Amino acid sequence: MAKSDKIRKKLGLGPERKPLFGHNRSHALNATQKISKPNFQNRWVEIDGERVKVRLTVREMRTLDKKGIFIK
């Protein structure tokens, strides 16, 4: 298990989000590739008195804020 996975587990988060894949469909039903990437941000989080840099999505930051975990 990687260090980032352990940190995410301590924060109560699951594995990192992956990009979503699909197609753009035109009126003529032409299919072109579409990728939706997660909005990752690098933030400092304090865990057990230690500051750790973590890669979080904005949605995860909002969840941690709601739980009362301090994010810089």
PDB file of N, CA and C in Angstrom:
ATOM      1  N   MET A   1       0.848  -1.183   0.000  1.00  0.00           N
ATOM      2  CA  MET A   1       0.000   0.000   0.000  1.00  0.00           C
ATOM      3  C   MET A   1       0.891   1.243   0.000  1.00  0.00           C
ATOM      4  N   ALA A   2       0.617   2.163  -0.912  1.00  0.00           N
ATOM      5  CA  ALA A   2       1.425   3.376  -1.032  1.00  0.00           C
ATOM      6  C   ALA A   2       1.148   4.331   0.124  1.00  0.00           C
ATOM      7  N   LYS A   3       2.092   5.255   0.334  1.00  0.00           N
ATOM      8  CA  LYS A   3       1.970   6.209   1.426  1.00  0.00           C
ATOM      9  C   LYS A   3       0.705   7.054   1.268  1.00  0.00           C
ATOM     10  N   SER A   4       0.418   7.485   0.034  1.00  0.00           N
ATOM     11  CA  SER A   4      -0.767   8.318  -0.194  1.00  0.00           C
ATOM     12  C   SER A   4      -2.059   7.553   0.111  1.00  0.00           C
ATOM     13  N   ASP A   5      -2.073   6.243  -0.154  1.00  0.00           N
ATOM     14  CA  ASP A   5      -3.252   5.431   0.159  1.00  0.00           C
ATOM     15  C   ASP A   5      -3.489   5.366   1.662  1.00  0.00           C
ATOM     16  N   LYS A   6      -2.397   5.263   2.431  1.00  0.00           N
ATOM     17  CA  LYS A   6      -2.518   5.214   3.891  1.00  0.00           C
ATOM     18  C   LYS A   6      -3.049   6.533   4.427  1.00  0.00           C
ATOM     19  N   ILE A   7      -2.558   7.630   3.868  1.00  0.00           N
ATOM     20  CA  ILE A   7      -3.008   8.955   4.300  1.00  0.00           C
ATOM     21  C   ILE A   7      -4.487   9.130   3.982  1.00  0.00           C
ATOM     22  N   ARG A   8      -4.888   8.733   2.760  1.00  0.00           N
ATOM     23  CA  ARG A   8      -6.288   8.863   2.363  1.00  0.00           C
ATOM     24  C   ARG A   8      -7.189   8.014   3.251  1.00  0.00           C
ATOM     25  N   LYS A   9      -6.712   6.841   3.651  1.00  0.00           N
ATOM     26  CA  LYS A   9      -7.498   5.961   4.514  1.00  0.00           C
ATOM     27  C   LYS A   9      -7.684   6.597   5.892  1.00  0.00           C
ATOM     28  N   LYS A  10      -6.622   7.243   6.424  1.00  0.00           N
ATOM     29  CA  LYS A  10      -6.721   7.923   7.717  1.00  0.00           C
ATOM     30  C   LYS A  10      -7.721   9.070   7.671  1.00  0.00           C
ATOM     31  N   LEU A  11      -7.817   9.720   6.500  1.00  0.00           N
ATOM     32  CA  LEU A  11      -8.766  10.817   6.337  1.00  0.00           C
ATOM     33  C   LEU A  11     -10.189  10.319   6.095  1.00  0.00           C
ATOM     34  N   GLY A  12     -10.356   9.025   5.897  1.00  0.00           N
ATOM     35  CA  GLY A  12     -11.682   8.467   5.653  1.00  0.00           C
ATOM     36  C   GLY A  12     -12.097   8.571   4.200  1.00  0.00           C
ATOM     37  N   LEU A  13     -11.124   8.639   3.293  1.00  0.00           N
ATOM     38  CA  LEU A  13     -11.408   8.752   1.860  1.00  0.00           C
ATOM     39  C   LEU A  13     -11.084   7.444   1.158  1.00  0.00           C
ATOM     40  N   GLY A  14     -11.693   7.225   0.015  1.00  0.00           N
ATOM     41  CA  GLY A  14     -11.424   6.044  -0.791  1.00  0.00           C
ATOM     42  C   GLY A  14     -10.220   6.276  -1.679  1.00  0.00           C
ATOM     43  N   PRO A  15     -10.025   5.425  -2.676  1.00  0.00           N
ATOM     44  CA  PRO A  15      -8.905   5.604  -3.608  1.00  0.00           C
ATOM     45  C   PRO A  15      -9.094   6.862  -4.457  1.00  0.00           C
ATOM     46  N   GLU A  16      -7.991   7.323  -5.092  1.00  0.00           N
ATOM     47  CA  GLU A  16      -8.064   8.510  -5.939  1.00  0.00           C
ATOM     48  C   GLU A  16      -9.031   8.300  -7.087  1.00  0.00           C
ATOM     49  N   ARG A  17      -9.735   9.376  -7.445  1.00  0.00           N
ATOM     50  CA  ARG A  17     -10.681   9.321  -8.553  1.00  0.00           C
ATOM     51  C   ARG A  17      -9.941   9.155  -9.873  1.00  0.00           C
ATOM     52  N   LYS A  18     -10.563   8.457 -10.801  1.00  0.00           N
ATOM     53  CA  LYS A  18     -10.009   8.245 -12.140  1.00  0.00           C
ATOM     54  C   LYS A  18     -10.816   9.065 -13.144  1.00  0.00           C
ATOM     55  N   PRO A  19     -10.249   9.369 -14.309  1.00  0.00           N
ATOM     56  CA  PRO A  19     -11.014  10.090 -15.327  1.00  0.00           C
ATOM     57  C   PRO A  19     -12.205   9.268 -15.832  1.00  0.00           C
ATOM     58  N   LEU A  20     -13.257   9.966 -16.218  1.00  0.00           N
ATOM     59  CA  LEU A  20     -14.430   9.324 -16.805  1.00  0.00           C
ATOM     60  C   LEU A  20     -14.320   9.418 -18.319  1.00  0.00           C
ATOM     61  N   PHE A  21     -14.639   8.336 -19.015  1.00  0.00           N
ATOM     62  CA  PHE A  21     -14.555   8.288 -20.462  1.00  0.00           C
ATOM     63  C   PHE A  21     -15.943   8.117 -21.051  1.00  0.00           C
ATOM     64  N   GLY A  22     -16.148   8.686 -22.216  1.00  0.00           N
ATOM     65  CA  GLY A  22     -17.418   8.540 -22.902  1.00  0.00           C
ATOM     66  C   GLY A  22     -17.305   9.081 -24.312  1.00  0.00           C
ATOM     67  N   HIS A  23     -18.458   9.394 -24.885  1.00  0.00           N
ATOM     68  CA  HIS A  23     -18.502   9.921 -26.243  1.00  0.00           C
ATOM     69  C   HIS A  23     -19.330  11.199 -26.280  1.00  0.00           C
ATOM     70  N   ASN A  24     -18.898  12.138 -27.131  1.00  0.00           N
ATOM     71  CA  ASN A  24     -19.758  13.249 -27.529  1.00  0.00           C
ATOM     72  C   ASN A  24     -20.567  12.746 -28.711  1.00  0.00           C
ATOM     73  N   ARG A  25     -21.871  12.920 -28.660  1.00  0.00           N
ATOM     74  CA  ARG A  25     -22.730  12.469 -29.760  1.00  0.00           C
ATOM     75  C   ARG A  25     -23.346  13.677 -30.448  1.00  0.00           C
ATOM     76  N   SER A  26     -23.099  13.807 -31.745  1.00  0.00           N
ATOM     77  CA  SER A  26     -23.693  14.897 -32.511  1.00  0.00           C
ATOM     78  C   SER A  26     -25.112  14.499 -32.933  1.00  0.00           C
ATOM     79  N   HIS A  27     -25.791  15.449 -33.554  1.00  0.00           N
ATOM     80  CA  HIS A  27     -27.144  15.168 -34.046  1.00  0.00           C
ATOM     81  C   HIS A  27     -27.108  14.059 -35.099  1.00  0.00           C
ATOM     82  N   ALA A  28     -25.995  13.969 -35.848  1.00  0.00           N
ATOM     83  CA  ALA A  28     -25.835  12.928 -36.867  1.00  0.00           C
ATOM     84  C   ALA A  28     -25.318  11.616 -36.260  1.00  0.00           C
ATOM     85  N   LEU A  29     -25.248  11.564 -34.942  1.00  0.00           N
ATOM     86  CA  LEU A  29     -24.793  10.387 -34.177  1.00  0.00           C
ATOM     87  C   LEU A  29     -23.326  10.041 -34.412  1.00  0.00           C
ATOM     88  N   ASN A  30     -22.517  11.061 -34.800  1.00  0.00           N
ATOM     89  CA  ASN A  30     -21.076  10.846 -34.847  1.00  0.00           C
ATOM     90  C   ASN A  30     -20.565  10.768 -33.413  1.00  0.00           C
ATOM     91  N   ALA A  31     -19.643   9.833 -33.157  1.00  0.00           N
ATOM     92  CA  ALA A  31     -19.102   9.657 -31.812  1.00  0.00           C
ATOM     93  C   ALA A  31     -17.649  10.119 -31.774  1.00  0.00           C
ATOM     94  N   THR A  32     -17.346  11.057 -30.879  1.00  0.00           N
ATOM     95  CA  THR A  32     -15.965  11.476 -30.657  1.00  0.00           C
ATOM     96  C   THR A  32     -15.645  11.270 -29.182  1.00  0.00           C
ATOM     97  N   GLN A  33     -14.386  10.955 -28.899  1.00  0.00           N
ATOM     98  CA  GLN A  33     -13.986  10.656 -27.531  1.00  0.00           C
ATOM     99  C   GLN A  33     -14.123  11.886 -26.625  1.00  0.00           C
ATOM    100  N   LYS A  34     -14.564  11.642 -25.394  1.00  0.00           N
ATOM    101  CA  LYS A  34     -14.694  12.699 -24.399  1.00  0.00           C
ATOM    102  C   LYS A  34     -14.082  12.191 -23.098  1.00  0.00           C
ATOM    103  N   ILE A  35     -13.283  13.006 -22.424  1.00  0.00           N
ATOM    104  CA  ILE A  35     -12.685  12.641 -21.146  1.00  0.00           C
ATOM    105  C   ILE A  35     -13.026  13.725 -20.132  1.00  0.00           C
ATOM    106  N   SER A  36     -13.545  13.333 -18.971  1.00  0.00           N
ATOM    107  CA  SER A  36     -13.795  14.260 -17.868  1.00  0.00           C
ATOM    108  C   SER A  36     -12.791  13.948 -16.772  1.00  0.00           C
ATOM    109  N   LYS A  37     -11.865  14.883 -16.524  1.00  0.00           N
ATOM    110  CA  LYS A  37     -10.825  14.663 -15.525  1.00  0.00           C
ATOM    111  C   LYS A  37     -11.270  15.216 -14.170  1.00  0.00           C
ATOM    112  N   PRO A  38     -10.896  14.548 -13.066  1.00  0.00           N
ATOM    113  CA  PRO A  38     -11.232  15.076 -11.736  1.00  0.00           C
ATOM    114  C   PRO A  38     -10.430  16.347 -11.438  1.00  0.00           C
ATOM    115  N   ASN A  39     -11.007  17.230 -10.643  1.00  0.00           N
ATOM    116  CA  ASN A  39     -10.390  18.511 -10.314  1.00  0.00           C
ATOM    117  C   ASN A  39      -9.462  18.324  -9.104  1.00  0.00           C
ATOM    118  N   PHE A  40      -8.208  17.908  -9.347  1.00  0.00           N
ATOM    119  CA  PHE A  40      -7.245  17.663  -8.278  1.00  0.00           C
ATOM    120  C   PHE A  40      -6.548  18.948  -7.857  1.00  0.00           C
ATOM    121  N   GLN A  41      -6.333  19.092  -6.548  1.00  0.00           N
ATOM    122  CA  GLN A  41      -5.585  20.202  -5.968  1.00  0.00           C
ATOM    123  C   GLN A  41      -4.613  19.620  -4.947  1.00  0.00           C
ATOM    124  N   ASN A  42      -3.426  20.202  -4.825  1.00  0.00           N
ATOM    125  CA  ASN A  42      -2.469  19.788  -3.803  1.00  0.00           C
ATOM    126  C   ASN A  42      -2.704  20.632  -2.560  1.00  0.00           C
ATOM    127  N   ARG A  43      -2.896  19.982  -1.427  1.00  0.00           N
ATOM    128  CA  ARG A  43      -3.166  20.675  -0.174  1.00  0.00           C
ATOM    129  C   ARG A  43      -2.384  20.043   0.960  1.00  0.00           C
ATOM    130  N   TRP A  44      -2.108  20.838   1.994  1.00  0.00           N
ATOM    131  CA  TRP A  44      -1.479  20.353   3.217  1.00  0.00           C
ATOM    132  C   TRP A  44      -2.573  20.009   4.213  1.00  0.00           C
ATOM    133  N   VAL A  45      -2.462  18.814   4.834  1.00  0.00           N
ATOM    134  CA  VAL A  45      -3.428  18.350   5.820  1.00  0.00           C
ATOM    135  C   VAL A  45      -2.650  17.924   7.050  1.00  0.00           C
ATOM    136  N   GLU A  46      -3.187  18.232   8.226  1.00  0.00           N
ATOM    137  CA  GLU A  46      -2.527  17.836   9.465  1.00  0.00           C
ATOM    138  C   GLU A  46      -3.153  16.544   9.973  1.00  0.00           C
ATOM    139  N   ILE A  47      -2.312  15.492  10.065  1.00  0.00           N
ATOM    140  CA  ILE A  47      -2.762  14.184  10.545  1.00  0.00           C
ATOM    141  C   ILE A  47      -1.862  13.768  11.696  1.00  0.00           C
ATOM    142  N   ASP A  48      -2.443  13.519  12.852  1.00  0.00           N
ATOM    143  CA  ASP A  48      -1.698  13.104  14.053  1.00  0.00           C
ATOM    144  C   ASP A  48      -0.565  14.081  14.363  1.00  0.00           C
ATOM    145  N   GLY A  49      -0.807  15.381  14.226  1.00  0.00           N
ATOM    146  CA  GLY A  49       0.192  16.398  14.524  1.00  0.00           C
ATOM    147  C   GLY A  49       1.270  16.556  13.473  1.00  0.00           C
ATOM    148  N   GLU A  50       1.126  15.918  12.325  1.00  0.00           N
ATOM    149  CA  GLU A  50       2.127  15.976  11.259  1.00  0.00           C
ATOM    150  C   GLU A  50       1.491  16.569  10.000  1.00  0.00           C
ATOM    151  N   ARG A  51       2.177  17.565   9.385  1.00  0.00           N
ATOM    152  CA  ARG A  51       1.673  18.154   8.147  1.00  0.00           C
ATOM    153  C   ARG A  51       2.078  17.290   6.974  1.00  0.00           C
ATOM    154  N   VAL A  52       1.088  16.910   6.157  1.00  0.00           N
ATOM    155  CA  VAL A  52       1.323  16.023   5.020  1.00  0.00           C
ATOM    156  C   VAL A  52       0.695  16.658   3.780  1.00  0.00           C
ATOM    157  N   LYS A  53       1.404  16.586   2.641  1.00  0.00           N
ATOM    158  CA  LYS A  53       0.866  17.091   1.384  1.00  0.00           C
ATOM    159  C   LYS A  53       0.051  15.986   0.720  1.00  0.00           C
ATOM    160  N   VAL A  54      -1.190  16.312   0.372  1.00  0.00           N
ATOM    161  CA  VAL A  54      -2.111  15.325  -0.200  1.00  0.00           C
ATOM    162  C   VAL A  54      -2.733  15.893  -1.463  1.00  0.00           C
ATOM    163  N   ARG A  55      -2.961  15.025  -2.442  1.00  0.00           N
ATOM    164  CA  ARG A  55      -3.640  15.395  -3.687  1.00  0.00           C
ATOM    165  C   ARG A  55      -5.122  15.064  -3.517  1.00  0.00           C
ATOM    166  N   LEU A  56      -5.957  16.097  -3.438  1.00  0.00           N
ATOM    167  CA  LEU A  56      -7.385  15.925  -3.181  1.00  0.00           C
ATOM    168  C   LEU A  56      -8.212  16.550  -4.297  1.00  0.00           C
ATOM    169  N   THR A  57      -9.400  15.987  -4.514  1.00  0.00           N
ATOM    170  CA  THR A  57     -10.350  16.648  -5.399  1.00  0.00           C
ATOM    171  C   THR A  57     -11.065  17.714  -4.583  1.00  0.00           C
ATOM    172  N   VAL A  58     -11.653  18.673  -5.268  1.00  0.00           N
ATOM    173  CA  VAL A  58     -12.365  19.742  -4.584  1.00  0.00           C
ATOM    174  C   VAL A  58     -13.534  19.162  -3.792  1.00  0.00           C
ATOM    175  N   ARG A  59     -14.182  18.155  -4.326  1.00  0.00           N
ATOM    176  CA  ARG A  59     -15.295  17.518  -3.628  1.00  0.00           C
ATOM    177  C   ARG A  59     -14.822  16.897  -2.310  1.00  0.00           C
ATOM    178  N   GLU A  60     -13.636  16.259  -2.326  1.00  0.00           N
ATOM    179  CA  GLU A  60     -13.088  15.666  -1.106  1.00  0.00           C
ATOM    180  C   GLU A  60     -12.713  16.745  -0.092  1.00  0.00           C
ATOM    181  N   MET A  61     -12.209  17.885  -0.583  1.00  0.00           N
ATOM    182  CA  MET A  61     -11.876  18.984   0.323  1.00  0.00           C
ATOM    183  C   MET A  61     -13.128  19.493   1.030  1.00  0.00           C
ATOM    184  N   ARG A  62     -14.220  19.597   0.304  1.00  0.00           N
ATOM    185  CA  ARG A  62     -15.484  20.043   0.910  1.00  0.00           C
ATOM    186  C   ARG A  62     -15.965  19.042   1.957  1.00  0.00           C
ATOM    187  N   THR A  63     -15.785  17.743   1.667  1.00  0.00           N
ATOM    188  CA  THR A  63     -16.185  16.702   2.613  1.00  0.00           C
ATOM    189  C   THR A  63     -15.353  16.783   3.877  1.00  0.00           C
ATOM    190  N   LEU A  64     -14.022  16.952   3.746  1.00  0.00           N
ATOM    191  CA  LEU A  64     -13.144  17.057   4.909  1.00  0.00           C
ATOM    192  C   LEU A  64     -13.449  18.310   5.711  1.00  0.00           C
ATOM    193  N   ASP A  65     -13.795  19.405   5.025  1.00  0.00           N
ATOM    194  CA  ASP A  65     -14.170  20.632   5.702  1.00  0.00           C
ATOM    195  C   ASP A  65     -15.431  20.416   6.534  1.00  0.00           C
ATOM    196  N   LYS A  66     -16.356  19.666   5.988  1.00  0.00           N
ATOM    197  CA  LYS A  66     -17.603  19.360   6.695  1.00  0.00           C
ATOM    198  C   LYS A  66     -17.339  18.506   7.928  1.00  0.00           C
ATOM    199  N   LYS A  67     -16.347  17.582   7.818  1.00  0.00           N
ATOM    200  CA  LYS A  67     -15.980  16.726   8.949  1.00  0.00           C
ATOM    201  C   LYS A  67     -15.194  17.482  10.009  1.00  0.00           C
ATOM    202  N   GLY A  68     -14.670  18.672   9.660  1.00  0.00           N
ATOM    203  CA  GLY A  68     -13.910  19.469  10.610  1.00  0.00           C
ATOM    204  C   GLY A  68     -12.415  19.225  10.561  1.00  0.00           C
ATOM    205  N   ILE A  69     -11.920  18.646   9.466  1.00  0.00           N
ATOM    206  CA  ILE A  69     -10.485  18.396   9.298  1.00  0.00           C
ATOM    207  C   ILE A  69      -9.880  19.623   8.637  1.00  0.00           C
ATOM    208  N   PHE A  70      -8.823  20.175   9.251  1.00  0.00           N
ATOM    209  CA  PHE A  70      -8.206  21.421   8.782  1.00  0.00           C
ATOM    210  C   PHE A  70      -7.354  21.182   7.546  1.00  0.00           C
ATOM    211  N   ILE A  71      -7.625  21.974   6.504  1.00  0.00           N
ATOM    212  CA  ILE A  71      -6.881  21.868   5.242  1.00  0.00           C
ATOM    213  C   ILE A  71      -6.283  23.228   4.937  1.00  0.00           C
ATOM    214  N   LYS A  72      -5.005  23.258   4.533  1.00  0.00           N
ATOM    215  CA  LYS A  72      -4.343  24.509   4.120  1.00  0.00           C
ATOM    216  C   LYS A  72      -4.098  24.504   2.651  1.00  0.00           C
TER     217      LYS A  72
END
